[in-house]
């Protein structure tokens, strides 16, 4: 048998090691997973930071590159302007010497006042005012020569070149009526002098151009430019007195806008005012060109760098843009919705770094110009012909096809004419007004077709036939009446004739002739459907003309045999007078 173990030895024996539990294993696995995810998040975060830094770095590089390009271009322009100053000064000095010699020669020869009988005399007369800087006499002479507008348009720029300070001369000339009318006496003949203001402002543009740089630099002193800016502000403040933008007169608007363009005092913060003024007077032929000169046709640069936004942001902005492009209406950001129109994307790129910038980018995405907004507004107001003029001026005829616009204009004119015919308060002249409305619309469309060579797309033959049909009743009314067969002849061997005009009475007819055949009455009028009875005793030889007034033989005795006259209309013969219906012709 074996020996028993010593109890002391049993106490010294180590217990067996326990195996790791499954829970501990799960805990360690979870810890490793958490560490891995945390590492991935940190890695993604630093990667995102690195990408943002790279994007901002690229944006800064693009800005620096753009700034360098602009700085280089500005320096080149400044250098060119500086080098051109000597040439401009030499030209100005040469002109001063020539004017001095001409003035001395004219003083020595005692030149008389020129006769304004042709273009040469007109130019000499205008120059005489400009040399003496007599702006008041120049203005009075100009306003009295409106009939010679074509000649004035050619000669005034030549005459203004003789002024010492042409811009100041023009401002002083038009100061009587612009920016405020200071005249005490006005009449219908000279009430509207906006044409003269516009003519002088337009004629000043070529005179102010730099001989080397052209229109890039206007030859106007700072004091005169400040004065022009002050005049523009005065006019804007007086808008309320003129009835607001909706009621201001078109000649005043034209003068104001031309003043801004001529003196270069256009302000970006007033673009909305300019747009409203142009739209309100869009029917004027010069308005499309003025809109371009004011800068309303300049496209806004647009673009967005690749990778600037996440896919979700791009998807959101794309949906908004598609909604706006399709509906062109809504409430998002006020005017943003109506201004974001469908069109091409500009090539320039604007770095954007926020959601707000992205939203603004959508507004600029099409390179939308204020001219596009004006065209849309003109179309919505039924001024399609004016919209066609704008589209051709700014080169948007492909985006706004002219033929559908012209057809829509004719359709609207027909609807307006039909509405006039249905007006019960103006039934008498409704047909006349309706025909006049359609005639005016057709003439406008025909002129537009001829001006822009649209005969192939919109044949004008049918329109011309419609115009002839509308004008036919008018021409028939103007056709002279047929000459009656019976002529007035002298009676009693060439004796004096009774007067041709007769006194008209509503109750009795008086004749100095004894003959009493049937009278031919006037044709019935549409306002008098009842039949007009024939006269009882009219004279035969007057046909359909008015009967003569009572003639007294004692006033001028007849050389021939006296004629016995019957009692007038039954008077003094004991019989009641026969009352007749008034003569109507």
Protein backbone atom coordinates (compact mmCIF):
# COMPACT_ATOMS: atom_id res chain seq x y z
CA UNK A 1 0.00 0.00 0.00
CA UNK A 2 1.21 3.38 -0.57
CA UNK A 3 2.02 5.75 2.11
CA UNK A 4 -0.33 8.65 2.87
CA UNK A 5 0.72 12.16 1.98
CA UNK A 6 1.80 14.51 4.62
CA UNK A 7 -0.87 17.16 5.41
CA UNK A 8 1.77 19.86 5.23
CA UNK A 9 2.61 18.86 1.75
CA UNK A 10 -1.03 19.07 0.70
CA UNK A 11 -1.22 22.64 1.84
CA UNK A 12 1.82 23.61 -0.24
CA UNK A 13 0.42 22.32 -3.56
CA UNK A 14 -0.65 25.17 -6.00
CA UNK A 15 -4.24 25.09 -7.40
CA UNK A 16 -4.63 24.55 -11.17
CA UNK A 17 -4.86 27.76 -13.43
CA UNK A 18 -8.37 28.69 -14.73
CA UNK A 19 -8.98 29.20 -18.55
CA UNK A 20 -10.00 32.73 -19.83
CA UNK A 21 -13.76 33.11 -19.99
CA UNK A 22 -15.76 33.92 -23.17
CA UNK A 23 -16.98 37.23 -21.71
CA UNK A 24 -13.44 38.40 -21.30
CA UNK A 25 -12.78 37.55 -24.90
CA UNK A 26 -15.82 39.53 -26.01
CA UNK A 27 -14.66 42.48 -23.95
CA UNK A 28 -11.28 42.51 -25.53
CA UNK A 29 -12.76 42.17 -29.01
CA UNK A 30 -15.07 45.13 -28.42
CA UNK A 31 -12.18 47.20 -27.19
CA UNK A 32 -10.17 46.45 -30.31
CA UNK A 33 -13.14 47.35 -32.53
CA UNK A 34 -13.62 50.66 -30.73
CA UNK A 35 -9.98 51.51 -31.12
CA UNK A 36 -10.14 50.68 -34.81
CA UNK A 37 -13.23 52.86 -35.37
CA UNK A 38 -11.72 55.70 -33.40
CA UNK A 39 -8.58 55.48 -35.45
CA UNK A 40 -10.63 55.52 -38.66
CA UNK A 41 -12.63 58.54 -37.51
CA UNK A 42 -9.47 60.39 -36.58
CA UNK A 43 -7.92 59.44 -39.88
CA UNK A 44 -11.00 60.63 -41.82
CA UNK A 45 -11.10 63.83 -39.82
CA UNK A 46 -7.48 64.66 -40.53
CA UNK A 47 -7.97 63.67 -44.16
CA UNK A 48 -10.96 66.01 -44.38
CA UNK A 49 -8.95 68.79 -42.77
CA UNK A 50 -6.17 68.19 -45.21
CA UNK A 51 -8.60 68.31 -48.15
CA UNK A 52 -10.17 71.52 -46.85
CA UNK A 53 -6.75 73.07 -46.47
CA UNK A 54 -5.87 72.00 -50.01
CA UNK A 55 -9.14 73.45 -51.35
CA UNK A 56 -8.61 76.72 -49.56
CA UNK A 57 -5.05 76.76 -50.75
CA UNK A 58 -6.22 76.26 -54.33
CA UNK A 59 -8.80 78.98 -53.87
CA UNK A 60 -6.18 81.35 -52.52
CA UNK A 61 -3.88 80.51 -55.41
CA UNK A 62 -6.71 81.21 -57.85
CA UNK A 63 -7.43 84.53 -56.14
CA UNK A 64 -3.77 85.46 -56.16
CA UNK A 65 -3.54 84.55 -59.83
CA UNK A 66 -6.63 86.62 -60.60
CA UNK A 67 -5.29 89.50 -58.55
CA UNK A 68 -1.96 89.34 -60.34
CA UNK A 69 -3.70 89.36 -63.71
CA UNK A 70 -5.89 92.30 -62.73
CA UNK A 71 -2.92 94.17 -61.32
CA UNK A 72 -0.95 93.58 -64.49
CA UNK A 73 -3.85 94.73 -66.65
CA UNK A 74 -4.37 97.82 -64.47
CA UNK A 75 -0.70 98.71 -64.67
CA UNK A 76 -0.77 98.35 -68.45
CA UNK A 77 -3.83 100.60 -68.65
CA UNK A 78 -2.21 103.18 -66.39
CA UNK A 79 0.95 103.11 -68.46
CA UNK A 80 -1.07 103.51 -71.64
CA UNK A 81 -3.05 106.38 -70.15
CA UNK A 82 0.13 108.06 -69.00
CA UNK A 83 1.79 107.76 -72.38
CA UNK A 84 -1.37 108.99 -74.09
CA UNK A 85 -1.48 112.17 -72.01
CA UNK A 86 1.31 113.78 -74.00
CA UNK A 87 -0.43 113.01 -77.28
CA UNK A 88 -3.77 114.30 -75.99
CA UNK A 89 -2.17 117.48 -74.68
CA UNK A 90 -0.38 118.13 -77.96
CA UNK A 91 -3.65 117.69 -79.86
CA UNK A 92 -5.44 120.04 -77.46
CA UNK A 93 -2.69 122.68 -77.75
CA UNK A 94 -2.77 122.46 -81.52
CA UNK A 95 -6.51 122.97 -81.46
CA UNK A 96 -6.17 126.00 -79.18
CA UNK A 97 -3.65 127.57 -81.56
CA UNK A 98 -5.94 126.97 -84.53
CA UNK A 99 -8.92 128.49 -82.73
CA UNK A 100 -6.83 131.49 -81.72
CA UNK A 101 -5.75 132.13 -85.30
CA UNK A 102 -9.31 131.74 -86.55
CA UNK A 103 -10.62 134.18 -83.92
CA UNK A 104 -7.98 136.79 -84.77
CA UNK A 105 -8.70 136.42 -88.47
CA UNK A 106 -12.43 136.77 -87.91
CA UNK A 107 -11.90 139.87 -85.77
CA UNK A 108 -9.66 141.51 -88.39
CA UNK A 109 -12.04 140.77 -91.24
CA UNK A 110 -15.11 141.78 -89.26
CA UNK A 111 -17.12 138.66 -90.01
CA UNK A 112 -20.86 139.34 -89.95
CA UNK A 113 -23.46 137.07 -88.45
CA UNK A 114 -23.97 134.12 -90.82
CA UNK A 115 -27.27 133.53 -92.52
CA UNK A 116 -28.87 130.24 -91.51
CA UNK A 117 -30.00 129.13 -94.94
CA UNK A 118 -28.07 125.86 -95.28
CA UNK A 119 -25.96 123.43 -93.27
CA UNK A 120 -22.89 125.65 -93.59
CA UNK A 121 -24.71 128.68 -92.25
CA UNK A 122 -26.23 126.57 -89.46
CA UNK A 123 -22.79 125.33 -88.41
CA UNK A 124 -21.31 128.84 -88.44
CA UNK A 125 -24.18 130.12 -86.31
CA UNK A 126 -23.76 127.32 -83.78
CA UNK A 127 -20.00 127.83 -83.68
CA UNK A 128 -20.45 131.53 -83.00
CA UNK A 129 -22.36 130.69 -79.80
CA UNK A 130 -19.87 128.00 -78.75
CA UNK A 131 -16.78 130.19 -79.23
CA UNK A 132 -18.31 132.85 -76.97
CA UNK A 133 -19.62 130.17 -74.54
CA UNK A 134 -23.05 131.78 -74.89
CA UNK A 135 -25.07 128.82 -73.66
CA UNK A 136 -28.35 130.72 -73.27
CA UNK A 137 -28.38 131.99 -76.88
CA UNK A 138 -27.33 128.54 -78.08
CA UNK A 139 -30.27 126.95 -76.23
CA UNK A 140 -32.80 129.46 -77.53
CA UNK A 141 -31.54 129.00 -81.08
CA UNK A 142 -31.63 125.20 -80.77
CA UNK A 143 -35.16 124.97 -79.39
CA UNK A 144 -36.45 127.12 -82.25
CA UNK A 145 -34.97 124.78 -84.89
CA UNK A 146 -36.75 121.50 -84.18
CA UNK A 147 -37.69 121.19 -87.86
CA UNK A 148 -33.96 120.99 -88.72
CA UNK A 149 -33.35 118.10 -86.31
CA UNK A 150 -31.40 115.98 -88.79
CA UNK A 151 -29.04 118.83 -89.66
CA UNK A 152 -28.61 119.74 -86.00
CA UNK A 153 -27.67 116.17 -85.15
CA UNK A 154 -24.79 116.39 -87.62
CA UNK A 155 -23.59 119.93 -86.91
CA UNK A 156 -23.86 120.24 -83.11
CA UNK A 157 -20.91 117.89 -82.34
CA UNK A 158 -18.74 119.96 -84.69
CA UNK A 159 -19.84 123.18 -83.00
CA UNK A 160 -19.31 121.86 -79.46
CA UNK A 161 -15.71 121.14 -80.36
CA UNK A 162 -15.15 124.91 -80.48
CA UNK A 163 -16.09 125.36 -76.81
CA UNK A 164 -13.46 125.95 -74.16
CA UNK A 165 -15.25 123.49 -71.85
CA UNK A 166 -17.89 121.52 -73.81
CA UNK A 167 -19.28 119.52 -70.81
CA UNK A 168 -19.84 122.65 -68.76
CA UNK A 169 -21.37 124.39 -71.78
CA UNK A 170 -23.91 121.58 -72.23
CA UNK A 171 -24.86 121.50 -68.54
CA UNK A 172 -25.40 125.26 -68.57
CA UNK A 173 -27.44 125.07 -71.78
CA UNK A 174 -29.94 122.49 -70.52
CA UNK A 175 -30.07 123.83 -66.95
CA UNK A 176 -33.28 125.70 -67.74
CA UNK A 177 -35.27 122.46 -67.99
CA UNK A 178 -33.02 119.76 -66.48
CA UNK A 179 -32.96 118.45 -63.78
CA UNK A 180 -35.93 120.71 -62.97
CA UNK A 181 -37.98 122.92 -65.25
CA UNK A 182 -37.37 126.52 -64.14
CA UNK A 183 -39.38 128.23 -66.88
CA UNK A 184 -42.09 130.60 -65.75
CA UNK A 185 -44.00 130.67 -69.03
CA UNK A 186 -44.90 127.51 -70.90
CA UNK A 187 -47.10 126.74 -73.85
CA UNK A 188 -48.00 123.70 -75.91
CA UNK A 189 -45.36 124.50 -78.54
CA UNK A 190 -42.34 124.50 -76.23
CA UNK A 191 -43.66 122.50 -73.28
CA UNK A 192 -41.60 119.41 -74.06
CA UNK A 193 -37.92 120.20 -74.64
CA UNK A 194 -36.60 116.77 -73.75
CA UNK A 195 -35.63 116.21 -77.39
CA UNK A 196 -33.24 119.18 -77.21
CA UNK A 197 -31.64 117.93 -73.96
CA UNK A 198 -31.13 114.44 -75.37
CA UNK A 199 -29.73 115.87 -78.61
CA UNK A 200 -27.11 117.94 -76.78
CA UNK A 201 -26.15 115.09 -74.43
CA UNK A 202 -25.77 112.67 -77.34
CA UNK A 203 -23.76 115.20 -79.33
CA UNK A 204 -21.39 115.70 -76.38
CA UNK A 205 -20.23 112.06 -76.30
CA UNK A 206 -17.87 112.19 -79.32
CA UNK A 207 -16.54 115.57 -78.16
CA UNK A 208 -15.61 114.18 -74.71
CA UNK A 209 -13.83 111.11 -76.07
CA UNK A 210 -10.08 110.96 -75.62
CA UNK A 211 -8.34 111.22 -79.02
CA UNK A 212 -6.11 108.24 -78.16
CA UNK A 213 -8.05 106.01 -75.74
CA UNK A 214 -11.47 106.84 -77.13
CA UNK A 215 -14.46 106.31 -74.85
CA UNK A 216 -12.31 104.63 -72.17
CA UNK A 217 -11.40 108.08 -70.90
CA UNK A 218 -13.80 111.02 -70.94
CA UNK A 219 -12.28 114.48 -71.17
CA UNK A 220 -14.25 116.02 -68.32
CA UNK A 221 -12.92 117.90 -65.32
CA UNK A 222 -13.60 116.57 -61.81
CA UNK A 223 -15.65 119.65 -60.91
CA UNK A 224 -17.95 119.19 -63.92
CA UNK A 225 -18.32 115.47 -63.19
CA UNK A 226 -19.25 116.26 -59.58
CA UNK A 227 -21.79 118.75 -60.88
CA UNK A 228 -23.25 116.10 -63.21
CA UNK A 229 -23.50 113.65 -60.30
CA UNK A 230 -25.25 116.29 -58.20
CA UNK A 231 -27.74 116.93 -61.02
CA UNK A 232 -28.51 113.20 -61.21
CA UNK A 233 -29.19 113.08 -57.46
CA UNK A 234 -31.51 116.10 -57.70
CA UNK A 235 -33.48 114.40 -60.46
CA UNK A 236 -33.83 111.20 -58.43
CA UNK A 237 -35.07 113.14 -55.41
CA UNK A 238 -37.68 114.88 -57.57
CA UNK A 239 -39.20 111.59 -58.73
CA UNK A 240 -41.96 111.79 -56.14
CA UNK A 241 -42.91 115.26 -57.37
CA UNK A 242 -43.13 113.87 -60.91
CA UNK A 243 -45.60 111.18 -59.85
CA UNK A 244 -43.18 108.34 -59.14
CA UNK A 245 -41.54 105.92 -61.54
CA UNK A 246 -44.89 104.85 -62.99
CA UNK A 247 -46.02 108.38 -63.92
CA UNK A 248 -42.79 110.14 -64.86
CA UNK A 249 -42.76 111.43 -68.44
CA UNK A 250 -40.77 109.46 -70.98
CA UNK A 251 -38.77 112.50 -72.27
CA UNK A 252 -37.64 113.18 -68.69
CA UNK A 253 -36.58 109.55 -68.26
CA UNK A 254 -34.70 109.59 -71.56
CA UNK A 255 -32.87 112.79 -70.61
CA UNK A 256 -31.90 111.41 -67.19
CA UNK A 257 -30.56 108.11 -68.51
CA UNK A 258 -28.67 109.82 -71.33
CA UNK A 259 -27.18 112.21 -68.76
CA UNK A 260 -25.87 109.24 -66.75
CA UNK A 261 -24.32 107.63 -69.82
CA UNK A 262 -22.79 110.82 -71.21
CA UNK A 263 -21.04 111.88 -68.00
CA UNK A 264 -20.34 108.37 -66.69
CA UNK A 265 -22.11 108.81 -63.34
CA UNK A 266 -23.83 105.40 -63.29
CA UNK A 267 -24.08 103.80 -59.83
CA UNK A 268 -24.37 100.08 -59.23
CA UNK A 269 -26.72 100.55 -56.28
CA UNK A 270 -29.22 102.28 -58.57
CA UNK A 271 -29.44 99.45 -61.13
CA UNK A 272 -32.93 98.52 -59.98
CA UNK A 273 -34.09 102.11 -60.54
CA UNK A 274 -32.51 102.16 -64.00
CA UNK A 275 -34.19 98.88 -64.90
CA UNK A 276 -37.63 100.13 -63.89
CA UNK A 277 -37.16 103.37 -65.81
CA UNK A 278 -36.03 101.54 -68.94
CA UNK A 279 -38.94 99.09 -68.80
CA UNK A 280 -41.42 101.93 -68.29
CA UNK A 281 -40.16 103.71 -71.42
CA UNK A 282 -39.17 100.64 -73.43
CA UNK A 283 -41.16 101.76 -76.49
CA UNK A 284 -38.52 104.42 -77.22
CA UNK A 285 -36.12 103.31 -79.93
CA UNK A 286 -33.00 104.35 -78.00
CA UNK A 287 -33.84 102.44 -74.80
CA UNK A 288 -32.15 99.11 -75.69
CA UNK A 289 -28.86 100.87 -76.43
CA UNK A 290 -29.17 102.97 -73.29
CA UNK A 291 -29.74 99.81 -71.25
CA UNK A 292 -26.50 98.35 -72.58
CA UNK A 293 -24.62 101.61 -71.97
CA UNK A 294 -25.90 101.70 -68.39
CA UNK A 295 -24.45 98.24 -67.79
CA UNK A 296 -27.78 96.46 -67.48
CA UNK A 297 -26.69 93.90 -70.06
CA UNK A 298 -23.47 92.83 -68.34
CA UNK A 299 -23.54 89.19 -67.31
CA UNK A 300 -22.62 88.19 -63.78
CA UNK A 301 -19.63 85.78 -63.67
CA UNK A 302 -20.54 82.34 -62.37
CA UNK A 303 -18.98 78.99 -61.63
CA UNK A 304 -18.06 76.56 -58.87
CA UNK A 305 -14.81 74.58 -58.43
CA UNK A 306 -15.01 70.81 -58.69
CA UNK A 307 -15.35 69.03 -55.35
CA UNK A 308 -16.30 72.13 -53.41
CA UNK A 309 -19.51 70.58 -51.98
CA UNK A 310 -20.71 67.16 -50.94
CA UNK A 311 -22.93 65.06 -53.15
CA UNK A 312 -25.96 65.77 -50.96
CA UNK A 313 -25.42 69.53 -51.25
CA UNK A 314 -24.98 69.34 -54.99
CA UNK A 315 -28.14 67.23 -55.27
CA UNK A 316 -30.11 69.74 -53.19
CA UNK A 317 -28.90 72.75 -55.16
CA UNK A 318 -29.52 70.98 -58.44
CA UNK A 319 -33.12 70.28 -57.44
CA UNK A 320 -33.64 73.91 -56.47
CA UNK A 321 -32.09 75.09 -59.72
CA UNK A 322 -34.26 72.73 -61.77
CA UNK A 323 -37.37 73.93 -59.98
CA UNK A 324 -36.53 77.56 -60.59
CA UNK A 325 -35.55 77.01 -64.22
CA UNK A 326 -38.81 75.23 -64.93
CA UNK A 327 -41.29 77.42 -63.08
CA UNK A 328 -39.57 80.81 -62.87
CA UNK A 329 -41.81 81.65 -59.95
CA UNK A 330 -42.08 80.99 -56.25
CA UNK A 331 -41.08 82.46 -52.93
CA UNK A 332 -37.47 81.34 -52.45
CA UNK A 333 -35.27 84.28 -51.49
CA UNK A 334 -37.63 86.85 -52.99
CA UNK A 335 -36.45 88.01 -56.39
CA UNK A 336 -33.97 85.14 -56.61
CA UNK A 337 -36.65 82.80 -57.89
CA UNK A 338 -37.85 85.08 -60.67
CA UNK A 339 -34.32 86.06 -61.67
CA UNK A 340 -32.81 82.57 -62.01
CA UNK A 341 -33.60 81.92 -65.67
CA UNK A 342 -32.67 79.06 -67.94
CA UNK A 343 -29.45 79.60 -69.89
CA UNK A 344 -25.77 78.85 -70.30
CA UNK A 345 -23.07 78.81 -67.65
CA UNK A 346 -20.31 81.41 -67.72
CA UNK A 347 -16.73 80.24 -68.01
CA UNK A 348 -15.36 82.22 -65.08
CA UNK A 349 -15.11 80.54 -61.67
CA UNK A 350 -15.95 81.96 -58.24
CA UNK A 351 -14.55 80.12 -55.19
CA UNK A 352 -17.37 79.31 -52.77
CA UNK A 353 -16.90 78.11 -49.19
CA UNK A 354 -20.38 78.05 -47.60
CA UNK A 355 -23.94 76.98 -48.24
CA UNK A 356 -24.97 80.62 -48.59
CA UNK A 357 -22.33 81.09 -51.27
CA UNK A 358 -23.69 78.02 -53.01
CA UNK A 359 -27.17 79.46 -52.96
CA UNK A 360 -25.87 82.75 -54.35
CA UNK A 361 -23.98 80.74 -56.94
CA UNK A 362 -27.26 79.30 -58.21
CA UNK A 363 -28.50 82.85 -58.67
CA UNK A 364 -25.45 83.57 -60.82
CA UNK A 365 -25.33 80.15 -62.44
CA UNK A 366 -26.78 81.29 -65.78
CA UNK A 367 -24.79 84.46 -66.04
CA UNK A 368 -28.18 86.18 -65.75
CA UNK A 369 -28.22 89.86 -66.75
CA UNK A 370 -30.70 92.54 -65.90
CA UNK A 371 -31.46 92.78 -69.61
CA UNK A 372 -32.88 89.24 -69.49
CA UNK A 373 -35.08 90.26 -66.59
CA UNK A 374 -36.26 93.31 -68.52
CA UNK A 375 -37.12 91.22 -71.57
CA UNK A 376 -39.09 88.80 -69.41
CA UNK A 377 -40.94 91.69 -67.79
CA UNK A 378 -41.75 93.28 -71.15
CA UNK A 379 -43.17 89.99 -72.41
CA UNK A 380 -45.30 89.58 -69.30
CA UNK A 381 -46.65 93.12 -69.77
CA UNK A 382 -47.70 92.49 -73.37
CA UNK A 383 -44.89 94.57 -74.91
CA UNK A 384 -43.56 91.83 -77.15
CA UNK A 385 -42.43 94.21 -79.92
CA UNK A 386 -40.31 96.17 -77.45
CA UNK A 387 -38.92 92.86 -76.18
CA UNK A 388 -37.89 91.93 -79.74
CA UNK A 389 -35.93 95.18 -80.05
CA UNK A 390 -34.13 94.40 -76.79
CA UNK A 391 -33.33 90.83 -77.81
CA UNK A 392 -31.64 91.94 -81.02
CA UNK A 393 -29.74 94.72 -79.27
CA UNK A 394 -28.23 92.40 -76.64
CA UNK A 395 -27.86 89.35 -78.91
CA UNK A 396 -30.49 87.15 -77.26
CA UNK A 397 -32.60 86.45 -80.34
CA UNK A 398 -31.81 82.72 -80.03
CA UNK A 399 -33.05 82.61 -76.45
CA UNK A 400 -36.13 84.73 -77.20
CA UNK A 401 -37.22 83.89 -80.79
CA UNK A 402 -38.84 86.98 -82.35
CA UNK A 403 -41.53 85.31 -84.49
CA UNK A 404 -43.47 83.72 -81.57
CA UNK A 405 -43.28 87.03 -79.73
CA UNK A 406 -44.69 88.96 -82.69
CA UNK A 407 -47.50 86.44 -83.18
CA UNK A 408 -48.34 86.66 -79.48
CA UNK A 409 -48.43 90.45 -79.80
CA UNK A 410 -50.93 90.25 -82.67
CA UNK A 411 -53.04 87.77 -80.71
CA UNK A 412 -53.13 90.09 -77.70
CA UNK A 413 -54.09 93.00 -79.96
CA UNK A 414 -57.04 91.03 -81.36
CA UNK A 415 -58.20 90.17 -77.85
CA UNK A 416 -57.97 93.83 -76.86
CA UNK A 417 -59.95 94.85 -79.95
CA UNK A 418 -62.64 92.28 -79.15
CA UNK A 419 -62.84 93.61 -75.60
CA UNK A 420 -63.32 97.14 -76.95
CA UNK A 421 -66.19 95.97 -79.16
CA UNK A 422 -67.89 94.38 -76.16
CA UNK A 423 -67.76 97.59 -74.12
CA UNK A 424 -71.39 98.79 -73.69
CA UNK A 425 -70.33 102.25 -72.51
CA UNK A 426 -68.58 103.08 -75.78
CA UNK A 427 -70.73 101.36 -78.35
CA UNK A 428 -70.84 104.29 -80.78
CA UNK A 429 -67.09 104.44 -81.49
CA UNK A 430 -66.10 100.95 -80.39
CA UNK A 431 -65.66 99.69 -83.95
CA UNK A 432 -63.41 102.64 -84.77
CA UNK A 433 -61.22 102.16 -81.71
CA UNK A 434 -60.99 98.39 -82.21
CA UNK A 435 -59.93 98.75 -85.85
CA UNK A 436 -57.40 101.40 -84.88
CA UNK A 437 -55.94 99.08 -82.23
CA UNK A 438 -55.47 96.23 -84.73
CA UNK A 439 -54.06 98.55 -87.40
CA UNK A 440 -51.46 99.92 -85.00
CA UNK A 441 -50.41 96.41 -83.94
CA UNK A 442 -50.10 95.16 -87.54
CA UNK A 443 -48.04 98.20 -88.57
CA UNK A 444 -45.67 97.67 -85.63
CA UNK A 445 -45.19 94.00 -86.53
CA UNK A 446 -44.66 94.78 -90.23
CA UNK A 447 -42.03 97.36 -89.34
CA UNK A 448 -40.30 94.87 -87.04
CA UNK A 449 -40.31 92.18 -89.76
CA UNK A 450 -38.78 94.60 -92.25
CA UNK A 451 -36.17 95.93 -89.82
CA UNK A 452 -34.84 92.52 -88.74
CA UNK A 453 -35.31 90.70 -92.09
CA UNK A 454 -37.83 88.14 -90.83
CA UNK A 455 -39.73 87.74 -94.11
CA UNK A 456 -38.65 84.10 -94.50
CA UNK A 457 -39.85 83.12 -91.02
CA UNK A 458 -42.90 85.38 -90.90
CA UNK A 459 -44.25 86.25 -94.40
CA UNK A 460 -45.89 89.69 -94.25
CA UNK A 461 -48.36 89.18 -97.13
CA UNK A 462 -51.27 88.08 -94.94
CA UNK A 463 -50.66 90.95 -92.54
CA UNK A 464 -50.69 93.46 -95.39
CA UNK A 465 -54.01 92.05 -96.62
CA UNK A 466 -55.48 92.31 -93.13
CA UNK A 467 -54.29 95.89 -92.90
CA UNK A 468 -55.91 96.72 -96.23
CA UNK A 469 -59.20 95.19 -95.10
CA UNK A 470 -59.13 97.20 -91.88
CA UNK A 471 -58.34 100.43 -93.73
CA UNK A 472 -60.98 99.86 -96.43
CA UNK A 473 -63.95 101.35 -94.50
CA UNK A 474 -61.83 104.35 -93.60
CA UNK A 475 -60.88 104.96 -97.23
CA UNK A 476 -64.49 104.63 -98.37
CA UNK A 477 -65.54 107.32 -95.93
CA UNK A 478 -62.87 109.64 -97.29
CA UNK A 479 -63.97 109.07 -100.93
CA UNK A 480 -65.50 112.30 -102.37
CA UNK A 481 -69.23 112.34 -103.09
CA UNK A 482 -70.48 112.23 -106.70
CA UNK A 483 -71.07 115.63 -108.35
CA UNK A 484 -74.82 116.26 -108.94
CA UNK A 485 -76.04 116.43 -112.53
CA UNK A 486 -77.75 119.80 -112.16
CA UNK A 487 -75.37 122.76 -112.02
CA UNK A 488 -76.10 126.21 -110.73
CA UNK A 489 -76.78 128.49 -113.72
CA UNK A 490 -77.28 132.16 -113.96
CA UNK A 491 -80.88 133.26 -114.51
CA UNK A 492 -82.36 136.40 -116.02
CA UNK A 493 -79.69 136.87 -118.70
CA UNK A 494 -76.62 136.62 -116.49
CA UNK A 495 -78.05 138.50 -113.54
CA UNK A 496 -76.73 138.04 -110.04
CA UNK A 497 -77.30 134.69 -108.35
CA UNK A 498 -78.75 134.20 -104.90
CA UNK A 499 -76.18 133.23 -102.24
CA UNK A 500 -75.20 129.58 -102.14
CA UNK A 501 -75.52 129.25 -98.36
CA UNK A 502 -78.96 129.11 -96.85
CA UNK A 503 -80.35 129.78 -93.44
CA UNK A 504 -81.51 126.55 -91.87
CA UNK A 505 -84.68 126.49 -89.82
CA UNK A 506 -86.26 123.71 -87.87
CA UNK A 507 -89.85 124.60 -88.60
CA UNK A 508 -90.21 126.10 -92.08
CA UNK A 509 -88.46 126.32 -95.39
CA UNK A 510 -88.27 129.62 -97.27
CA UNK A 511 -87.55 129.70 -100.99
CA UNK A 512 -87.12 132.59 -103.37
CA UNK A 513 -87.98 130.43 -106.37
CA UNK A 514 -91.54 129.66 -107.49
CA UNK A 515 -90.72 126.22 -108.86
CA UNK A 516 -91.57 123.36 -106.51
CA UNK A 517 -90.47 119.93 -107.74
CA UNK A 518 -89.59 116.98 -105.50
CA UNK A 519 -86.44 117.38 -103.36
CA UNK A 520 -83.72 114.71 -103.21
CA UNK A 521 -82.99 114.07 -99.56
CA UNK A 522 -79.70 112.96 -97.96
CA UNK A 523 -79.07 109.24 -97.48
CA UNK A 524 -80.23 107.88 -94.13
CA UNK A 525 -77.64 107.78 -91.32
CA UNK A 526 -77.09 104.81 -89.08
CA UNK A 527 -78.16 106.81 -86.06
CA UNK A 528 -81.52 107.65 -87.76
CA UNK A 529 -83.10 104.41 -88.92
CA UNK A 530 -86.52 105.97 -89.53
CA UNK A 531 -87.34 107.22 -93.02
CA UNK A 532 -86.99 110.98 -93.47
CA UNK A 533 -90.00 112.41 -95.34
CA UNK A 534 -89.47 114.46 -98.48
CA UNK A 535 -89.61 118.20 -98.37
CA UNK A 536 -92.82 119.92 -99.45
CA UNK A 537 -91.40 122.58 -101.75
CA UNK A 538 -87.62 122.41 -102.27
CA UNK A 539 -85.83 124.05 -105.20
CA UNK A 540 -84.83 121.80 -108.08
CA UNK A 541 -81.59 123.33 -109.22
CA UNK A 542 -79.82 122.82 -105.88
CA UNK A 543 -79.95 119.02 -106.10
CA UNK A 544 -78.81 117.54 -102.81
CA UNK A 545 -77.24 120.76 -101.52
CA UNK A 546 -78.64 122.97 -98.79
CA UNK A 547 -81.43 125.39 -99.85
CA UNK A 548 -80.66 129.12 -100.08
CA UNK A 549 -81.38 131.55 -97.30
CA UNK A 550 -84.13 134.21 -97.82
CA UNK A 551 -82.92 136.72 -100.36
CA UNK A 552 -84.40 140.22 -100.72
CA UNK A 553 -84.67 141.61 -104.27
CA UNK A 554 -84.34 145.12 -102.90
CA UNK A 555 -80.74 144.53 -101.87
CA UNK A 556 -79.56 144.29 -105.49
CA UNK A 557 -82.09 144.96 -108.29
CA UNK A 558 -82.19 142.54 -111.19
CA UNK A 559 -81.36 144.00 -114.62
CA UNK A 560 -83.93 141.83 -116.35
CA UNK A 561 -87.69 141.48 -116.10
CA UNK A 562 -88.97 141.40 -112.52
CA UNK A 563 -90.11 138.07 -111.18
CA UNK A 564 -93.21 137.72 -109.06
CA UNK A 565 -92.48 135.67 -105.93
CA UNK A 566 -95.11 133.53 -104.31
CA UNK A 567 -95.94 133.95 -100.64
CA UNK A 568 -93.19 132.45 -98.45
CA UNK A 569 -94.21 129.06 -97.22
CA UNK A 570 -97.89 129.98 -97.04
CA UNK A 571 -97.41 133.00 -94.80
CA UNK A 572 -99.73 136.02 -95.19
CA UNK A 573 -102.27 134.08 -97.28
CA UNK A 574 -104.61 133.10 -94.54
CA UNK A 575 -103.32 129.51 -94.34
CA UNK A 576 -101.40 127.88 -91.54
CA UNK A 577 -97.71 127.35 -92.29
CA UNK A 578 -96.62 123.81 -93.15
CA UNK A 579 -93.91 122.72 -90.73
CA UNK A 580 -91.28 120.38 -92.14
CA UNK A 581 -88.65 118.14 -90.64
CA UNK A 582 -85.24 119.73 -90.29
CA UNK A 583 -82.87 119.15 -93.16
CA UNK A 584 -80.17 116.59 -92.37
CA UNK A 585 -77.06 115.91 -94.35
